[in-house]
Amino acid sequence: MIPQDPVMLLSFINMKLRDNYSSLEALADDLDLSSEDIKAIVTKLEGIGYTYDEAQNKFV
């Protein structure tokens, strides 16, 4: 289950990216997230000041 709270979501996504996935796309594929789901996650995290950095493979 993906957390709904933005701060918990940030921690969850960055942990998954760090420990298990080489990219946001790989995470989405493995967790069966649609492009709309990923857009919602990105929007939620942008709302608290974080953006996905592909080079670092994390939200910063």
PDB file of N, CA and C in Angstrom:
ATOM      1  N   MET A   1       0.841  -1.183   0.000  1.00  0.00           N
ATOM      2  CA  MET A   1       0.000   0.000   0.000  1.00  0.00           C
ATOM      3  C   MET A   1       0.886   1.247   0.000  1.00  0.00           C
ATOM      4  N   ILE A   2       0.562   2.177  -0.844  1.00  0.00           N
ATOM      5  CA  ILE A   2       1.336   3.405  -0.959  1.00  0.00           C
ATOM      6  C   ILE A   2       0.752   4.441   0.004  1.00  0.00           C
ATOM      7  N   PRO A   3       1.607   5.052   0.821  1.00  0.00           N
ATOM      8  CA  PRO A   3       1.120   6.057   1.779  1.00  0.00           C
ATOM      9  C   PRO A   3       0.457   7.245   1.075  1.00  0.00           C
ATOM     10  N   GLN A   4      -0.530   7.814   1.715  1.00  0.00           N
ATOM     11  CA  GLN A   4      -1.218   8.981   1.172  1.00  0.00           C
ATOM     12  C   GLN A   4      -0.654  10.291   1.721  1.00  0.00           C
ATOM     13  N   ASP A   5      -0.118  10.253   2.936  1.00  0.00           N
ATOM     14  CA  ASP A   5       0.488  11.436   3.521  1.00  0.00           C
ATOM     15  C   ASP A   5       1.727  11.799   2.698  1.00  0.00           C
ATOM     16  N   PRO A   6       1.865  13.060   2.255  1.00  0.00           N
ATOM     17  CA  PRO A   6       2.980  13.441   1.384  1.00  0.00           C
ATOM     18  C   PRO A   6       4.371  13.161   1.966  1.00  0.00           C
ATOM     19  N   VAL A   7       4.577  13.399   3.238  1.00  0.00           N
ATOM     20  CA  VAL A   7       5.898  13.174   3.835  1.00  0.00           C
ATOM     21  C   VAL A   7       6.195  11.674   3.926  1.00  0.00           C
ATOM     22  N   MET A   8       5.205  10.891   4.295  1.00  0.00           N
ATOM     23  CA  MET A   8       5.383   9.441   4.337  1.00  0.00           C
ATOM     24  C   MET A   8       5.580   8.888   2.921  1.00  0.00           C
ATOM     25  N   LEU A   9       4.869   9.460   1.964  1.00  0.00           N
ATOM     26  CA  LEU A   9       5.011   9.071   0.565  1.00  0.00           C
ATOM     27  C   LEU A   9       6.431   9.337   0.085  1.00  0.00           C
ATOM     28  N   LEU A  10       6.968  10.490   0.413  1.00  0.00           N
ATOM     29  CA  LEU A  10       8.345  10.842   0.045  1.00  0.00           C
ATOM     30  C   LEU A  10       9.318   9.803   0.589  1.00  0.00           C
ATOM     31  N   SER A  11       9.200   9.487   1.840  1.00  0.00           N
ATOM     32  CA  SER A  11      10.080   8.509   2.469  1.00  0.00           C
ATOM     33  C   SER A  11       9.929   7.134   1.804  1.00  0.00           C
ATOM     34  N   PHE A  12       8.717   6.716   1.574  1.00  0.00           N
ATOM     35  CA  PHE A  12       8.435   5.415   0.964  1.00  0.00           C
ATOM     36  C   PHE A  12       9.026   5.327  -0.443  1.00  0.00           C
ATOM     37  N   ILE A  13       8.744   6.320  -1.272  1.00  0.00           N
ATOM     38  CA  ILE A  13       9.204   6.295  -2.666  1.00  0.00           C
ATOM     39  C   ILE A  13      10.728   6.347  -2.726  1.00  0.00           C
ATOM     40  N   ASN A  14      11.351   7.253  -1.967  1.00  0.00           N
ATOM     41  CA  ASN A  14      12.806   7.332  -2.003  1.00  0.00           C
ATOM     42  C   ASN A  14      13.466   6.062  -1.479  1.00  0.00           C
ATOM     43  N   MET A  15      12.880   5.435  -0.466  1.00  0.00           N
ATOM     44  CA  MET A  15      13.426   4.177   0.038  1.00  0.00           C
ATOM     45  C   MET A  15      13.334   3.086  -1.039  1.00  0.00           C
ATOM     46  N   LYS A  16      12.187   2.987  -1.686  1.00  0.00           N
ATOM     47  CA  LYS A  16      12.009   1.989  -2.737  1.00  0.00           C
ATOM     48  C   LYS A  16      12.980   2.232  -3.894  1.00  0.00           C
ATOM     49  N   LEU A  17      13.133   3.500  -4.296  1.00  0.00           N
ATOM     50  CA  LEU A  17      14.055   3.827  -5.377  1.00  0.00           C
ATOM     51  C   LEU A  17      15.488   3.479  -4.986  1.00  0.00           C
ATOM     52  N   ARG A  18      15.862   3.800  -3.777  1.00  0.00           N
ATOM     53  CA  ARG A  18      17.228   3.535  -3.301  1.00  0.00           C
ATOM     54  C   ARG A  18      17.496   2.030  -3.208  1.00  0.00           C
ATOM     55  N   ASP A  19      16.558   1.293  -2.657  1.00  0.00           N
ATOM     56  CA  ASP A  19      16.803  -0.113  -2.338  1.00  0.00           C
ATOM     57  C   ASP A  19      16.455  -1.108  -3.446  1.00  0.00           C
ATOM     58  N   ASN A  20      15.512  -0.753  -4.320  1.00  0.00           N
ATOM     59  CA  ASN A  20      14.987  -1.770  -5.229  1.00  0.00           C
ATOM     60  C   ASN A  20      14.899  -1.406  -6.703  1.00  0.00           C
ATOM     61  N   TYR A  21      14.914  -0.131  -7.047  1.00  0.00           N
ATOM     62  CA  TYR A  21      14.614   0.235  -8.429  1.00  0.00           C
ATOM     63  C   TYR A  21      15.631   1.218  -8.990  1.00  0.00           C
ATOM     64  N   SER A  22      15.937   1.050 -10.265  1.00  0.00           N
ATOM     65  CA  SER A  22      16.910   1.909 -10.928  1.00  0.00           C
ATOM     66  C   SER A  22      16.293   3.183 -11.490  1.00  0.00           C
ATOM     67  N   SER A  23      14.959   3.260 -11.486  1.00  0.00           N
ATOM     68  CA  SER A  23      14.284   4.450 -12.013  1.00  0.00           C
ATOM     69  C   SER A  23      12.846   4.498 -11.502  1.00  0.00           C
ATOM     70  N   LEU A  24      12.238   5.655 -11.662  1.00  0.00           N
ATOM     71  CA  LEU A  24      10.832   5.816 -11.305  1.00  0.00           C
ATOM     72  C   LEU A  24       9.958   4.927 -12.194  1.00  0.00           C
ATOM     73  N   GLU A  25      10.352   4.772 -13.451  1.00  0.00           N
ATOM     74  CA  GLU A  25       9.598   3.925 -14.372  1.00  0.00           C
ATOM     75  C   GLU A  25       9.645   2.454 -13.942  1.00  0.00           C
ATOM     76  N   ALA A  26      10.810   2.000 -13.481  1.00  0.00           N
ATOM     77  CA  ALA A  26      10.928   0.614 -13.011  1.00  0.00           C
ATOM     78  C   ALA A  26      10.048   0.387 -11.791  1.00  0.00           C
ATOM     79  N   LEU A  27      10.011   1.354 -10.887  1.00  0.00           N
ATOM     80  CA  LEU A  27       9.150   1.262  -9.710  1.00  0.00           C
ATOM     81  C   LEU A  27       7.691   1.170 -10.150  1.00  0.00           C
ATOM     82  N   ALA A  28       7.295   2.033 -11.075  1.00  0.00           N
ATOM     83  CA  ALA A  28       5.911   2.046 -11.557  1.00  0.00           C
ATOM     84  C   ALA A  28       5.541   0.716 -12.200  1.00  0.00           C
ATOM     85  N   ASP A  29       6.438   0.175 -13.019  1.00  0.00           N
ATOM     86  CA  ASP A  29       6.165  -1.108 -13.682  1.00  0.00           C
ATOM     87  C   ASP A  29       5.981  -2.221 -12.663  1.00  0.00           C
ATOM     88  N   ASP A  30       6.878  -2.288 -11.700  1.00  0.00           N
ATOM     89  CA  ASP A  30       6.833  -3.374 -10.729  1.00  0.00           C
ATOM     90  C   ASP A  30       5.632  -3.278  -9.796  1.00  0.00           C
ATOM     91  N   LEU A  31       5.238  -2.061  -9.438  1.00  0.00           N
ATOM     92  CA  LEU A  31       4.106  -1.872  -8.529  1.00  0.00           C
ATOM     93  C   LEU A  31       2.776  -1.725  -9.270  1.00  0.00           C
ATOM     94  N   ASP A  32       2.806  -1.937 -10.593  1.00  0.00           N
ATOM     95  CA  ASP A  32       1.608  -1.812 -11.437  1.00  0.00           C
ATOM     96  C   ASP A  32       0.932  -0.453 -11.293  1.00  0.00           C
ATOM     97  N   LEU A  33       1.739   0.610 -11.310  1.00  0.00           N
ATOM     98  CA  LEU A  33       1.211   1.965 -11.240  1.00  0.00           C
ATOM     99  C   LEU A  33       1.047   2.510 -12.651  1.00  0.00           C
ATOM    100  N   SER A  34      -0.084   3.125 -12.904  1.00  0.00           N
ATOM    101  CA  SER A  34      -0.332   3.720 -14.212  1.00  0.00           C
ATOM    102  C   SER A  34       0.409   5.055 -14.319  1.00  0.00           C
ATOM    103  N   SER A  35       0.446   5.583 -15.524  1.00  0.00           N
ATOM    104  CA  SER A  35       1.080   6.895 -15.708  1.00  0.00           C
ATOM    105  C   SER A  35       0.329   7.959 -14.913  1.00  0.00           C
ATOM    106  N   GLU A  36      -0.970   7.783 -14.762  1.00  0.00           N
ATOM    107  CA  GLU A  36      -1.764   8.718 -13.957  1.00  0.00           C
ATOM    108  C   GLU A  36      -1.391   8.610 -12.478  1.00  0.00           C
ATOM    109  N   ASP A  37      -1.151   7.396 -12.004  1.00  0.00           N
ATOM    110  CA  ASP A  37      -0.713   7.203 -10.616  1.00  0.00           C
ATOM    111  C   ASP A  37       0.619   7.903 -10.374  1.00  0.00           C
ATOM    112  N   ILE A  38       1.545   7.737 -11.317  1.00  0.00           N
ATOM    113  CA  ILE A  38       2.863   8.372 -11.175  1.00  0.00           C
ATOM    114  C   ILE A  38       2.729   9.889 -11.211  1.00  0.00           C
ATOM    115  N   LYS A  39       1.902  10.395 -12.096  1.00  0.00           N
ATOM    116  CA  LYS A  39       1.677  11.853 -12.155  1.00  0.00           C
ATOM    117  C   LYS A  39       1.118  12.356 -10.832  1.00  0.00           C
ATOM    118  N   ALA A  40       0.208  11.607 -10.230  1.00  0.00           N
ATOM    119  CA  ALA A  40      -0.378  12.002  -8.942  1.00  0.00           C
ATOM    120  C   ALA A  40       0.683  12.009  -7.844  1.00  0.00           C
ATOM    121  N   ILE A  41       1.566  11.019  -7.851  1.00  0.00           N
ATOM    122  CA  ILE A  41       2.647  10.971  -6.862  1.00  0.00           C
ATOM    123  C   ILE A  41       3.586  12.146  -7.052  1.00  0.00           C
ATOM    124  N   VAL A  42       3.998  12.384  -8.288  1.00  0.00           N
ATOM    125  CA  VAL A  42       4.903  13.498  -8.584  1.00  0.00           C
ATOM    126  C   VAL A  42       4.265  14.823  -8.178  1.00  0.00           C
ATOM    127  N   THR A  43       3.006  15.013  -8.488  1.00  0.00           N
ATOM    128  CA  THR A  43       2.297  16.243  -8.134  1.00  0.00           C
ATOM    129  C   THR A  43       2.217  16.415  -6.625  1.00  0.00           C
ATOM    130  N   LYS A  44       1.913  15.338  -5.926  1.00  0.00           N
ATOM    131  CA  LYS A  44       1.820  15.395  -4.464  1.00  0.00           C
ATOM    132  C   LYS A  44       3.170  15.779  -3.856  1.00  0.00           C
ATOM    133  N   LEU A  45       4.247  15.197  -4.373  1.00  0.00           N
ATOM    134  CA  LEU A  45       5.570  15.492  -3.832  1.00  0.00           C
ATOM    135  C   LEU A  45       6.052  16.893  -4.246  1.00  0.00           C
ATOM    136  N   GLU A  46       5.677  17.331  -5.420  1.00  0.00           N
ATOM    137  CA  GLU A  46       5.986  18.707  -5.811  1.00  0.00           C
ATOM    138  C   GLU A  46       5.268  19.693  -4.897  1.00  0.00           C
ATOM    139  N   GLY A  47       4.106  19.298  -4.410  1.00  0.00           N
ATOM    140  CA  GLY A  47       3.341  20.142  -3.497  1.00  0.00           C
ATOM    141  C   GLY A  47       4.046  20.402  -2.175  1.00  0.00           C
ATOM    142  N   ILE A  48       4.990  19.532  -1.816  1.00  0.00           N
ATOM    143  CA  ILE A  48       5.763  19.759  -0.589  1.00  0.00           C
ATOM    144  C   ILE A  48       7.213  20.135  -0.915  1.00  0.00           C
ATOM    145  N   GLY A  49       7.439  20.512  -2.192  1.00  0.00           N
ATOM    146  CA  GLY A  49       8.733  21.070  -2.567  1.00  0.00           C
ATOM    147  C   GLY A  49       9.772  20.090  -3.086  1.00  0.00           C
ATOM    148  N   TYR A  50       9.371  18.892  -3.495  1.00  0.00           N
ATOM    149  CA  TYR A  50      10.321  17.894  -3.990  1.00  0.00           C
ATOM    150  C   TYR A  50      10.056  17.575  -5.451  1.00  0.00           C
ATOM    151  N   THR A  51      11.138  17.398  -6.207  1.00  0.00           N
ATOM    152  CA  THR A  51      11.035  16.989  -7.598  1.00  0.00           C
ATOM    153  C   THR A  51      11.929  15.775  -7.824  1.00  0.00           C
ATOM    154  N   TYR A  52      11.574  14.989  -8.811  1.00  0.00           N
ATOM    155  CA  TYR A  52      12.347  13.783  -9.113  1.00  0.00           C
ATOM    156  C   TYR A  52      13.614  14.167  -9.860  1.00  0.00           C
ATOM    157  N   ASP A  53      14.748  13.736  -9.350  1.00  0.00           N
ATOM    158  CA  ASP A  53      16.041  13.937 -10.000  1.00  0.00           C
ATOM    159  C   ASP A  53      16.462  12.597 -10.583  1.00  0.00           C
ATOM    160  N   GLU A  54      16.387  12.501 -11.892  1.00  0.00           N
ATOM    161  CA  GLU A  54      16.679  11.237 -12.570  1.00  0.00           C
ATOM    162  C   GLU A  54      18.130  10.803 -12.342  1.00  0.00           C
ATOM    163  N   ALA A  55      19.064  11.745 -12.350  1.00  0.00           N
ATOM    164  CA  ALA A  55      20.478  11.421 -12.156  1.00  0.00           C
ATOM    165  C   ALA A  55      20.740  10.797 -10.792  1.00  0.00           C
ATOM    166  N   GLN A  56      20.045  11.296  -9.771  1.00  0.00           N
ATOM    167  CA  GLN A  56      20.209  10.766  -8.406  1.00  0.00           C
ATOM    168  C   GLN A  56      19.209   9.650  -8.099  1.00  0.00           C
ATOM    169  N   ASN A  57      18.214   9.498  -8.972  1.00  0.00           N
ATOM    170  CA  ASN A  57      17.139   8.518  -8.785  1.00  0.00           C
ATOM    171  C   ASN A  57      16.461   8.679  -7.428  1.00  0.00           C
ATOM    172  N   LYS A  58      16.086   9.916  -7.143  1.00  0.00           N
ATOM    173  CA  LYS A  58      15.339  10.187  -5.912  1.00  0.00           C
ATOM    174  C   LYS A  58      14.663  11.545  -6.025  1.00  0.00           C
ATOM    175  N   PHE A  59      13.726  11.758  -5.121  1.00  0.00           N
ATOM    176  CA  PHE A  59      13.080  13.066  -5.026  1.00  0.00           C
ATOM    177  C   PHE A  59      13.923  13.930  -4.083  1.00  0.00           C
ATOM    178  N   VAL A  60      14.276  15.094  -4.579  1.00  0.00           N
ATOM    179  CA  VAL A  60      15.116  16.018  -3.804  1.00  0.00           C
ATOM    180  C   VAL A  60      14.457  17.381  -3.718  1.00  0.00           C
TER     181      VAL A  60
END
